[in-house]
Amino acid sequence: MTSMTRSEERPANAMALRPEKMTSQTLARQRIMEFLHRSPFLKFLIVGVLSFALDLGLLVALHEGLNVDLVIATPIAFLTSLVFNFALQRSFTFRAMNSRTVSAAKYIALVIVNVVVTDLIVTGFDKLDWAYGIGKVVATVLTTGWNFLLYRHWIFRHEPARDGEPAPDTEPAP
């Protein structure tokens, strides 16, 4: 067994302190993580894509794999992806510290508004004899834009704790 000198003893994160010792893969991973940390909009989009993939994948698995009727499989997949999206947007994208209950109520309200607006836009395009698929794209772009702003400034807004009071995120764990 060889003994290590003091200069050889390094903490587990020593590579983060000495870029010249990093592999190109480790350095690339660190740069990606730094970029993500500084870019909440990119994290928002990534979580959105993952949520869509979960929604579609679960829908196909339920309907095609388990022969669950579409009327049942569609809302199960959609609601599962909404819960997934809420949890990741809250913890990963916005690192929210406000009340989960208040955030969830606001999130549900926004989902309802998004469903109504999307339906109005898609059916409006169809009634004008325009391609309803283009209407869906327009609705998606609009809702994505305001969702990011509302998530950041309303649903997952950081609220500083008042002097002598616990931070708003101190709800008991379920």
C-alpha atoms as a PDB file:
ATOM      1  CA  MET A   1       0.000   0.000   0.000  1.00  0.00           C
ATOM      2  CA  THR A   2       1.365   3.415  -0.869  1.00  0.00           C
ATOM      3  CA  SER A   3       0.909   6.391   1.335  1.00  0.00           C
ATOM      4  CA  MET A   4      -0.248   9.674  -0.098  1.00  0.00           C
ATOM      5  CA  THR A   5       1.509  12.922   0.554  1.00  0.00           C
ATOM      6  CA  ARG A   6      -0.489  15.971   1.508  1.00  0.00           C
ATOM      7  CA  SER A   7      -0.297  17.331  -2.027  1.00  0.00           C
ATOM      8  CA  GLU A   8      -1.737  14.066  -3.381  1.00  0.00           C
ATOM      9  CA  GLU A   9      -4.708  14.129  -1.010  1.00  0.00           C
ATOM     10  CA  ARG A  10      -7.469  15.910  -2.861  1.00  0.00           C
ATOM     11  CA  PRO A  11     -11.179  16.202  -2.233  1.00  0.00           C
ATOM     12  CA  ALA A  12     -13.544  14.408  -4.628  1.00  0.00           C
ATOM     13  CA  ASN A  13     -14.305  17.687  -6.389  1.00  0.00           C
ATOM     14  CA  ALA A  14     -10.657  18.597  -6.909  1.00  0.00           C
ATOM     15  CA  MET A  15     -11.044  18.266 -10.672  1.00  0.00           C
ATOM     16  CA  ALA A  16     -13.475  21.175 -10.589  1.00  0.00           C
ATOM     17  CA  LEU A  17     -10.706  23.262  -9.088  1.00  0.00           C
ATOM     18  CA  ARG A  18      -8.042  22.284 -11.627  1.00  0.00           C
ATOM     19  CA  PRO A  19      -9.360  22.485 -15.214  1.00  0.00           C
ATOM     20  CA  GLU A  20      -6.014  21.329 -16.640  1.00  0.00           C
ATOM     21  CA  LYS A  21      -6.644  17.908 -15.035  1.00  0.00           C
ATOM     22  CA  MET A  22     -10.143  17.524 -16.476  1.00  0.00           C
ATOM     23  CA  THR A  23     -10.930  15.229 -19.341  1.00  0.00           C
ATOM     24  CA  SER A  24     -12.616  16.855 -22.302  1.00  0.00           C
ATOM     25  CA  GLN A  25     -15.827  14.977 -21.447  1.00  0.00           C
ATOM     26  CA  THR A  26     -15.792  16.215 -17.853  1.00  0.00           C
ATOM     27  CA  LEU A  27     -15.048  19.762 -18.964  1.00  0.00           C
ATOM     28  CA  ALA A  28     -17.859  19.642 -21.534  1.00  0.00           C
ATOM     29  CA  ARG A  29     -20.284  18.319 -18.901  1.00  0.00           C
ATOM     30  CA  GLN A  30     -19.251  21.101 -16.505  1.00  0.00           C
ATOM     31  CA  ARG A  31     -19.743  23.761 -19.197  1.00  0.00           C
ATOM     32  CA  ILE A  32     -23.188  22.368 -20.050  1.00  0.00           C
ATOM     33  CA  MET A  33     -24.203  22.393 -16.385  1.00  0.00           C
ATOM     34  CA  GLU A  34     -22.928  25.974 -15.957  1.00  0.00           C
ATOM     35  CA  PHE A  35     -24.859  27.030 -19.066  1.00  0.00           C
ATOM     36  CA  LEU A  36     -28.026  25.320 -17.813  1.00  0.00           C
ATOM     37  CA  HIS A  37     -27.620  26.959 -14.422  1.00  0.00           C
ATOM     38  CA  ARG A  38     -27.532  30.369 -16.095  1.00  0.00           C
ATOM     39  CA  SER A  39     -30.341  29.627 -18.559  1.00  0.00           C
ATOM     40  CA  PRO A  40     -33.727  28.964 -16.945  1.00  0.00           C
ATOM     41  CA  PHE A  41     -35.479  29.273 -20.324  1.00  0.00           C
ATOM     42  CA  LEU A  42     -33.426  26.390 -21.734  1.00  0.00           C
ATOM     43  CA  LYS A  43     -34.190  24.291 -18.638  1.00  0.00           C
ATOM     44  CA  PHE A  44     -37.869  25.218 -19.052  1.00  0.00           C
ATOM     45  CA  LEU A  45     -37.799  23.972 -22.657  1.00  0.00           C
ATOM     46  CA  ILE A  46     -35.960  20.763 -21.740  1.00  0.00           C
ATOM     47  CA  VAL A  47     -38.516  19.957 -19.038  1.00  0.00           C
ATOM     48  CA  GLY A  48     -41.298  20.720 -21.511  1.00  0.00           C
ATOM     49  CA  VAL A  49     -39.861  18.317 -24.090  1.00  0.00           C
ATOM     50  CA  LEU A  50     -39.406  15.623 -21.424  1.00  0.00           C
ATOM     51  CA  SER A  51     -43.003  16.161 -20.281  1.00  0.00           C
ATOM     52  CA  PHE A  52     -44.271  15.787 -23.838  1.00  0.00           C
ATOM     53  CA  ALA A  53     -42.201  12.622 -24.308  1.00  0.00           C
ATOM     54  CA  LEU A  54     -43.647  11.189 -21.088  1.00  0.00           C
ATOM     55  CA  ASP A  55     -47.182  12.102 -22.177  1.00  0.00           C
ATOM     56  CA  LEU A  56     -46.823  10.532 -25.624  1.00  0.00           C
ATOM     57  CA  GLY A  57     -44.824   7.520 -24.428  1.00  0.00           C
ATOM     58  CA  LEU A  58     -47.279   6.698 -21.659  1.00  0.00           C
ATOM     59  CA  LEU A  59     -50.218   7.171 -24.026  1.00  0.00           C
ATOM     60  CA  VAL A  60     -48.719   4.719 -26.519  1.00  0.00           C
ATOM     61  CA  ALA A  61     -47.742   2.242 -23.787  1.00  0.00           C
ATOM     62  CA  LEU A  62     -51.216   2.304 -22.248  1.00  0.00           C
ATOM     63  CA  HIS A  63     -53.166   2.222 -25.506  1.00  0.00           C
ATOM     64  CA  GLU A  64     -50.974   0.053 -27.725  1.00  0.00           C
ATOM     65  CA  GLY A  65     -49.227  -2.049 -25.101  1.00  0.00           C
ATOM     66  CA  LEU A  66     -51.971  -2.573 -22.528  1.00  0.00           C
ATOM     67  CA  ASN A  67     -55.020  -2.031 -24.778  1.00  0.00           C
ATOM     68  CA  VAL A  68     -56.401   0.735 -22.561  1.00  0.00           C
ATOM     69  CA  ASP A  69     -59.121   2.688 -24.382  1.00  0.00           C
ATOM     70  CA  LEU A  70     -57.986   6.120 -25.650  1.00  0.00           C
ATOM     71  CA  VAL A  71     -60.696   7.839 -23.578  1.00  0.00           C
ATOM     72  CA  ILE A  72     -58.947   6.504 -20.451  1.00  0.00           C
ATOM     73  CA  ALA A  73     -55.313   6.410 -21.636  1.00  0.00           C
ATOM     74  CA  THR A  74     -55.208  10.020 -22.885  1.00  0.00           C
ATOM     75  CA  PRO A  75     -56.115  11.762 -19.609  1.00  0.00           C
ATOM     76  CA  ILE A  76     -53.939   9.369 -17.565  1.00  0.00           C
ATOM     77  CA  ALA A  77     -50.914  10.161 -19.738  1.00  0.00           C
ATOM     78  CA  PHE A  78     -51.677  13.887 -19.855  1.00  0.00           C
ATOM     79  CA  LEU A  79     -52.247  14.252 -16.103  1.00  0.00           C
ATOM     80  CA  THR A  80     -49.117  12.229 -15.346  1.00  0.00           C
ATOM     81  CA  SER A  81     -47.073  14.533 -17.566  1.00  0.00           C
ATOM     82  CA  LEU A  82     -48.603  17.600 -15.870  1.00  0.00           C
ATOM     83  CA  VAL A  83     -47.531  16.348 -12.430  1.00  0.00           C
ATOM     84  CA  PHE A  84     -44.076  15.515 -13.798  1.00  0.00           C
ATOM     85  CA  ASN A  85     -43.830  18.957 -15.422  1.00  0.00           C
ATOM     86  CA  PHE A  86     -44.908  20.777 -12.259  1.00  0.00           C
ATOM     87  CA  ALA A  87     -42.406  18.873 -10.102  1.00  0.00           C
ATOM     88  CA  LEU A  88     -39.448  19.421 -12.435  1.00  0.00           C
ATOM     89  CA  GLN A  89     -40.240  23.044 -13.264  1.00  0.00           C
ATOM     90  CA  ARG A  90     -40.557  23.732  -9.541  1.00  0.00           C
ATOM     91  CA  SER A  91     -37.410  21.907  -8.408  1.00  0.00           C
ATOM     92  CA  PHE A  92     -35.057  21.947 -11.426  1.00  0.00           C
ATOM     93  CA  THR A  93     -35.923  24.946 -13.566  1.00  0.00           C
ATOM     94  CA  PHE A  94     -36.971  27.573 -11.046  1.00  0.00           C
ATOM     95  CA  ARG A  95     -35.750  26.044  -7.745  1.00  0.00           C
ATOM     96  CA  ALA A  96     -38.900  27.414  -6.141  1.00  0.00           C
ATOM     97  CA  MET A  97     -38.960  28.003  -2.425  1.00  0.00           C
ATOM     98  CA  ASN A  98     -42.545  29.230  -2.156  1.00  0.00           C
ATOM     99  CA  SER A  99     -45.512  27.192  -0.949  1.00  0.00           C
ATOM    100  CA  ARG A 100     -46.113  24.018  -2.975  1.00  0.00           C
ATOM    101  CA  THR A 101     -49.846  24.306  -2.343  1.00  0.00           C
ATOM    102  CA  VAL A 102     -50.072  27.873  -3.645  1.00  0.00           C
ATOM    103  CA  SER A 103     -47.851  27.025  -6.623  1.00  0.00           C
ATOM    104  CA  ALA A 104     -49.989  23.983  -7.458  1.00  0.00           C
ATOM    105  CA  ALA A 105     -53.219  26.006  -7.320  1.00  0.00           C
ATOM    106  CA  LYS A 106     -51.740  28.657  -9.629  1.00  0.00           C
ATOM    107  CA  TYR A 107     -50.368  25.957 -11.943  1.00  0.00           C
ATOM    108  CA  ILE A 108     -53.785  24.279 -12.231  1.00  0.00           C
ATOM    109  CA  ALA A 109     -55.424  27.646 -12.977  1.00  0.00           C
ATOM    110  CA  LEU A 110     -52.883  28.295 -15.734  1.00  0.00           C
ATOM    111  CA  VAL A 111     -53.397  24.803 -17.204  1.00  0.00           C
ATOM    112  CA  ILE A 112     -57.144  25.502 -17.445  1.00  0.00           C
ATOM    113  CA  VAL A 113     -56.526  28.861 -19.163  1.00  0.00           C
ATOM    114  CA  ASN A 114     -54.057  27.209 -21.569  1.00  0.00           C
ATOM    115  CA  VAL A 115     -56.558  24.489 -22.495  1.00  0.00           C
ATOM    116  CA  VAL A 116     -59.293  27.056 -23.205  1.00  0.00           C
ATOM    117  CA  VAL A 117     -57.004  29.366 -25.205  1.00  0.00           C
ATOM    118  CA  THR A 118     -55.559  26.460 -27.198  1.00  0.00           C
ATOM    119  CA  ASP A 119     -59.032  25.160 -27.988  1.00  0.00           C
ATOM    120  CA  LEU A 120     -60.199  28.621 -29.099  1.00  0.00           C
ATOM    121  CA  ILE A 121     -57.177  29.135 -31.347  1.00  0.00           C
ATOM    122  CA  VAL A 122     -57.277  25.666 -32.944  1.00  0.00           C
ATOM    123  CA  THR A 123     -61.042  25.719 -33.531  1.00  0.00           C
ATOM    124  CA  GLY A 124     -60.818  29.344 -34.692  1.00  0.00           C
ATOM    125  CA  PHE A 125     -58.263  28.414 -37.333  1.00  0.00           C
ATOM    126  CA  ASP A 126     -60.487  25.535 -38.421  1.00  0.00           C
ATOM    127  CA  LYS A 127     -63.608  27.735 -38.687  1.00  0.00           C
ATOM    128  CA  LEU A 128     -61.650  30.171 -40.859  1.00  0.00           C
ATOM    129  CA  ASP A 129     -60.753  27.200 -43.111  1.00  0.00           C
ATOM    130  CA  TRP A 130     -57.103  27.559 -42.118  1.00  0.00           C
ATOM    131  CA  ALA A 131     -55.086  24.516 -41.171  1.00  0.00           C
ATOM    132  CA  TYR A 132     -55.939  23.657 -37.568  1.00  0.00           C
ATOM    133  CA  GLY A 133     -52.407  22.219 -37.211  1.00  0.00           C
ATOM    134  CA  ILE A 134     -51.001  25.697 -37.788  1.00  0.00           C
ATOM    135  CA  GLY A 135     -53.406  26.923 -35.111  1.00  0.00           C
ATOM    136  CA  LYS A 136     -51.994  24.335 -32.730  1.00  0.00           C
ATOM    137  CA  VAL A 137     -48.456  25.564 -33.461  1.00  0.00           C
ATOM    138  CA  VAL A 138     -49.529  29.187 -32.866  1.00  0.00           C
ATOM    139  CA  ALA A 139     -51.235  28.213 -29.594  1.00  0.00           C
ATOM    140  CA  THR A 140     -48.174  26.257 -28.470  1.00  0.00           C
ATOM    141  CA  VAL A 141     -45.816  29.158 -29.168  1.00  0.00           C
ATOM    142  CA  LEU A 142     -48.094  31.607 -27.329  1.00  0.00           C
ATOM    143  CA  THR A 143     -48.667  29.388 -24.298  1.00  0.00           C
ATOM    144  CA  THR A 144     -44.981  28.466 -24.085  1.00  0.00           C
ATOM    145  CA  GLY A 145     -44.016  32.136 -24.003  1.00  0.00           C
ATOM    146  CA  TRP A 146     -46.456  33.213 -21.330  1.00  0.00           C
ATOM    147  CA  ASN A 147     -46.022  29.978 -19.369  1.00  0.00           C
ATOM    148  CA  PHE A 148     -42.324  30.710 -18.903  1.00  0.00           C
ATOM    149  CA  LEU A 149     -43.034  34.245 -17.726  1.00  0.00           C
ATOM    150  CA  LEU A 150     -45.889  33.196 -15.444  1.00  0.00           C
ATOM    151  CA  TYR A 151     -43.951  30.257 -14.014  1.00  0.00           C
ATOM    152  CA  ARG A 152     -40.996  32.501 -13.251  1.00  0.00           C
ATOM    153  CA  HIS A 153     -42.817  35.560 -11.918  1.00  0.00           C
ATOM    154  CA  TRP A 154     -46.060  34.164 -10.504  1.00  0.00           C
ATOM    155  CA  ILE A 155     -46.242  30.407  -9.961  1.00  0.00           C
ATOM    156  CA  PHE A 156     -42.690  29.717  -8.758  1.00  0.00           C
ATOM    157  CA  ARG A 157     -41.779  33.257  -7.704  1.00  0.00           C
ATOM    158  CA  HIS A 158     -39.096  33.523  -5.039  1.00  0.00           C
ATOM    159  CA  GLU A 159     -40.518  35.272  -2.018  1.00  0.00           C
ATOM    160  CA  PRO A 160     -37.986  36.433   0.555  1.00  0.00           C
ATOM    161  CA  ALA A 161     -38.722  35.448   4.158  1.00  0.00           C
ATOM    162  CA  ARG A 162     -39.615  38.256   6.530  1.00  0.00           C
ATOM    163  CA  ASP A 163     -37.446  38.846   9.575  1.00  0.00           C
ATOM    164  CA  GLY A 164     -38.233  36.325  12.278  1.00  0.00           C
ATOM    165  CA  GLU A 165     -40.529  34.207  10.065  1.00  0.00           C
ATOM    166  CA  PRO A 166     -39.698  30.890   8.459  1.00  0.00           C
ATOM    167  CA  ALA A 167     -39.243  30.841   4.692  1.00  0.00           C
ATOM    168  CA  PRO A 168     -42.489  30.163   2.779  1.00  0.00           C
ATOM    169  CA  ASP A 169     -41.208  26.752   1.652  1.00  0.00           C
ATOM    170  CA  THR A 170     -41.221  25.258   5.119  1.00  0.00           C
ATOM    171  CA  GLU A 171     -44.339  23.171   4.588  1.00  0.00           C
ATOM    172  CA  PRO A 172     -44.140  19.797   6.254  1.00  0.00           C
ATOM    173  CA  ALA A 173     -43.102  17.027   3.909  1.00  0.00           C
ATOM    174  CA  PRO A 174     -45.923  14.642   2.915  1.00  0.00           C
END
